[in-house]
Amino acid sequence: MLTCIIKYDIDPTKHDDFQQYARNWLQANYAFAQDRKFILREDRRWLKLSYSQQDARA
């Protein structure tokens, strides 16, 4: 299992643009984000599960 946590710092005057971007996030609409310039910074943290209860039963 792999989890990605994304933290965005957005321009507070462009909140509506970010909401539209977030609704279409699965389509990876990066061109929209670049065009509107509402994301000031993006920080991604990738986490990998190193232990699970299923591993304990094996």
N, C-alpha and C. Protein backbone atom coordinates (compact mmCIF):
# COMPACT_ATOMS: atom_id res chain seq x y z
N MET A 1 0.85 -1.17 0.00
CA MET A 1 0.00 0.00 0.00
C MET A 1 0.89 1.23 0.00
N LEU A 2 0.51 2.22 -0.79
CA LEU A 2 1.25 3.46 -0.90
C LEU A 2 0.28 4.62 -0.73
N THR A 3 0.63 5.59 0.08
CA THR A 3 -0.23 6.75 0.33
C THR A 3 0.54 8.01 -0.01
N CYS A 4 -0.12 8.93 -0.69
CA CYS A 4 0.48 10.22 -1.01
C CYS A 4 -0.32 11.30 -0.29
N ILE A 5 0.37 12.08 0.51
CA ILE A 5 -0.25 13.22 1.21
C ILE A 5 0.24 14.48 0.51
N ILE A 6 -0.70 15.29 0.05
CA ILE A 6 -0.34 16.50 -0.67
C ILE A 6 -0.81 17.72 0.12
N LYS A 7 0.10 18.62 0.37
CA LYS A 7 -0.23 19.87 1.06
C LYS A 7 -0.09 21.00 0.04
N TYR A 8 -1.12 21.80 -0.08
CA TYR A 8 -1.11 22.93 -1.01
C TYR A 8 -1.14 24.24 -0.24
N ASP A 9 -0.33 25.17 -0.65
CA ASP A 9 -0.46 26.57 -0.24
C ASP A 9 -1.06 27.27 -1.46
N ILE A 10 -2.26 27.80 -1.30
CA ILE A 10 -2.93 28.41 -2.44
C ILE A 10 -3.12 29.90 -2.23
N ASP A 11 -3.27 30.59 -3.34
CA ASP A 11 -3.56 32.01 -3.30
C ASP A 11 -4.97 32.17 -2.73
N PRO A 12 -5.13 32.82 -1.59
CA PRO A 12 -6.45 32.91 -0.96
C PRO A 12 -7.48 33.68 -1.80
N THR A 13 -7.02 34.46 -2.75
CA THR A 13 -7.96 35.18 -3.60
C THR A 13 -8.46 34.32 -4.76
N LYS A 14 -7.89 33.11 -4.88
CA LYS A 14 -8.28 32.21 -5.98
C LYS A 14 -8.84 30.89 -5.45
N HIS A 15 -9.54 30.97 -4.34
CA HIS A 15 -10.11 29.79 -3.69
C HIS A 15 -11.05 29.03 -4.63
N ASP A 16 -11.88 29.75 -5.39
CA ASP A 16 -12.82 29.10 -6.31
C ASP A 16 -12.09 28.32 -7.40
N ASP A 17 -10.96 28.86 -7.89
CA ASP A 17 -10.17 28.13 -8.89
C ASP A 17 -9.64 26.82 -8.30
N PHE A 18 -9.18 26.88 -7.04
CA PHE A 18 -8.66 25.66 -6.43
C PHE A 18 -9.77 24.63 -6.23
N GLN A 19 -10.96 25.08 -5.85
CA GLN A 19 -12.08 24.15 -5.68
C GLN A 19 -12.37 23.44 -6.99
N GLN A 20 -12.37 24.16 -8.09
CA GLN A 20 -12.62 23.54 -9.39
C GLN A 20 -11.51 22.55 -9.72
N TYR A 21 -10.27 22.91 -9.46
CA TYR A 21 -9.13 22.02 -9.67
C TYR A 21 -9.27 20.74 -8.84
N ALA A 22 -9.64 20.90 -7.57
CA ALA A 22 -9.77 19.75 -6.67
C ALA A 22 -10.87 18.81 -7.13
N ARG A 23 -11.97 19.35 -7.63
CA ARG A 23 -13.06 18.48 -8.12
C ARG A 23 -12.61 17.64 -9.32
N ASN A 24 -11.67 18.17 -10.10
CA ASN A 24 -11.19 17.47 -11.30
C ASN A 24 -9.82 16.85 -11.09
N TRP A 25 -9.40 16.69 -9.84
CA TRP A 25 -8.04 16.26 -9.55
C TRP A 25 -7.69 14.92 -10.19
N LEU A 26 -8.61 14.00 -10.20
CA LEU A 26 -8.31 12.68 -10.77
C LEU A 26 -7.96 12.75 -12.24
N GLN A 27 -8.39 13.79 -12.90
CA GLN A 27 -8.05 13.96 -14.31
C GLN A 27 -6.69 14.63 -14.48
N ALA A 28 -6.02 14.91 -13.35
CA ALA A 28 -4.70 15.54 -13.36
C ALA A 28 -4.67 16.78 -14.24
N ASN A 29 -5.54 17.71 -13.92
CA ASN A 29 -5.72 18.91 -14.73
C ASN A 29 -4.66 19.95 -14.39
N TYR A 30 -3.40 19.60 -14.63
CA TYR A 30 -2.29 20.48 -14.27
C TYR A 30 -2.24 21.72 -15.17
N ALA A 31 -2.67 21.60 -16.40
CA ALA A 31 -2.67 22.76 -17.30
C ALA A 31 -3.57 23.86 -16.74
N PHE A 32 -4.70 23.46 -16.17
CA PHE A 32 -5.62 24.42 -15.55
C PHE A 32 -4.92 25.14 -14.40
N ALA A 33 -4.22 24.39 -13.56
CA ALA A 33 -3.52 24.97 -12.42
C ALA A 33 -2.42 25.92 -12.88
N GLN A 34 -1.69 25.53 -13.89
CA GLN A 34 -0.62 26.39 -14.39
C GLN A 34 -1.18 27.66 -15.01
N ASP A 35 -2.28 27.54 -15.73
CA ASP A 35 -2.89 28.69 -16.39
C ASP A 35 -3.40 29.70 -15.36
N ARG A 36 -4.07 29.22 -14.32
CA ARG A 36 -4.68 30.10 -13.32
C ARG A 36 -3.71 30.56 -12.24
N LYS A 37 -2.60 29.85 -12.07
CA LYS A 37 -1.54 30.21 -11.10
C LYS A 37 -2.06 30.38 -9.67
N PHE A 38 -2.92 29.46 -9.24
CA PHE A 38 -3.44 29.56 -7.87
C PHE A 38 -2.68 28.72 -6.88
N ILE A 39 -1.88 27.77 -7.31
CA ILE A 39 -1.07 26.97 -6.39
C ILE A 39 0.28 27.66 -6.24
N LEU A 40 0.54 28.12 -5.03
CA LEU A 40 1.79 28.80 -4.76
C LEU A 40 2.90 27.81 -4.45
N ARG A 41 2.55 26.69 -3.80
CA ARG A 41 3.52 25.65 -3.48
C ARG A 41 2.79 24.34 -3.27
N GLU A 42 3.45 23.24 -3.62
CA GLU A 42 2.87 21.91 -3.43
C GLU A 42 3.95 21.04 -2.80
N ASP A 43 3.61 20.33 -1.75
CA ASP A 43 4.54 19.45 -1.06
C ASP A 43 3.92 18.06 -1.02
N ARG A 44 4.61 17.08 -1.61
CA ARG A 44 4.09 15.70 -1.62
C ARG A 44 4.95 14.82 -0.73
N ARG A 45 4.27 14.03 0.08
CA ARG A 45 4.94 13.06 0.95
C ARG A 45 4.42 11.68 0.58
N TRP A 46 5.31 10.79 0.20
CA TRP A 46 4.92 9.43 -0.15
C TRP A 46 5.24 8.52 1.02
N LEU A 47 4.22 7.80 1.46
CA LEU A 47 4.37 6.89 2.60
C LEU A 47 4.09 5.47 2.15
N LYS A 48 4.93 4.55 2.56
CA LYS A 48 4.74 3.14 2.22
C LYS A 48 4.48 2.36 3.50
N LEU A 49 3.42 1.56 3.50
CA LEU A 49 3.09 0.74 4.65
C LEU A 49 4.19 -0.31 4.83
N SER A 50 4.80 -0.33 6.00
CA SER A 50 5.89 -1.27 6.23
C SER A 50 5.46 -2.49 7.04
N TYR A 51 4.27 -2.43 7.64
CA TYR A 51 3.80 -3.54 8.46
C TYR A 51 2.28 -3.49 8.46
N SER A 52 1.67 -4.64 8.36
CA SER A 52 0.22 -4.70 8.46
C SER A 52 -0.18 -5.90 9.30
N GLN A 53 -1.42 -5.93 9.73
CA GLN A 53 -1.91 -7.07 10.51
C GLN A 53 -1.88 -8.33 9.66
N GLN A 54 -2.05 -8.18 8.37
CA GLN A 54 -2.00 -9.34 7.48
C GLN A 54 -0.60 -9.96 7.53
N ASP A 55 0.45 -9.14 7.61
CA ASP A 55 1.82 -9.65 7.73
C ASP A 55 1.98 -10.44 9.03
N ALA A 56 1.34 -10.00 10.10
CA ALA A 56 1.46 -10.65 11.39
C ALA A 56 0.86 -12.05 11.38
N ARG A 57 -0.18 -12.26 10.56
CA ARG A 57 -0.83 -13.56 10.51
C ARG A 57 -0.04 -14.56 9.65
N ALA A 58 0.84 -14.11 8.83
CA ALA A 58 1.58 -14.99 7.92
C ALA A 58 2.66 -15.75 8.62
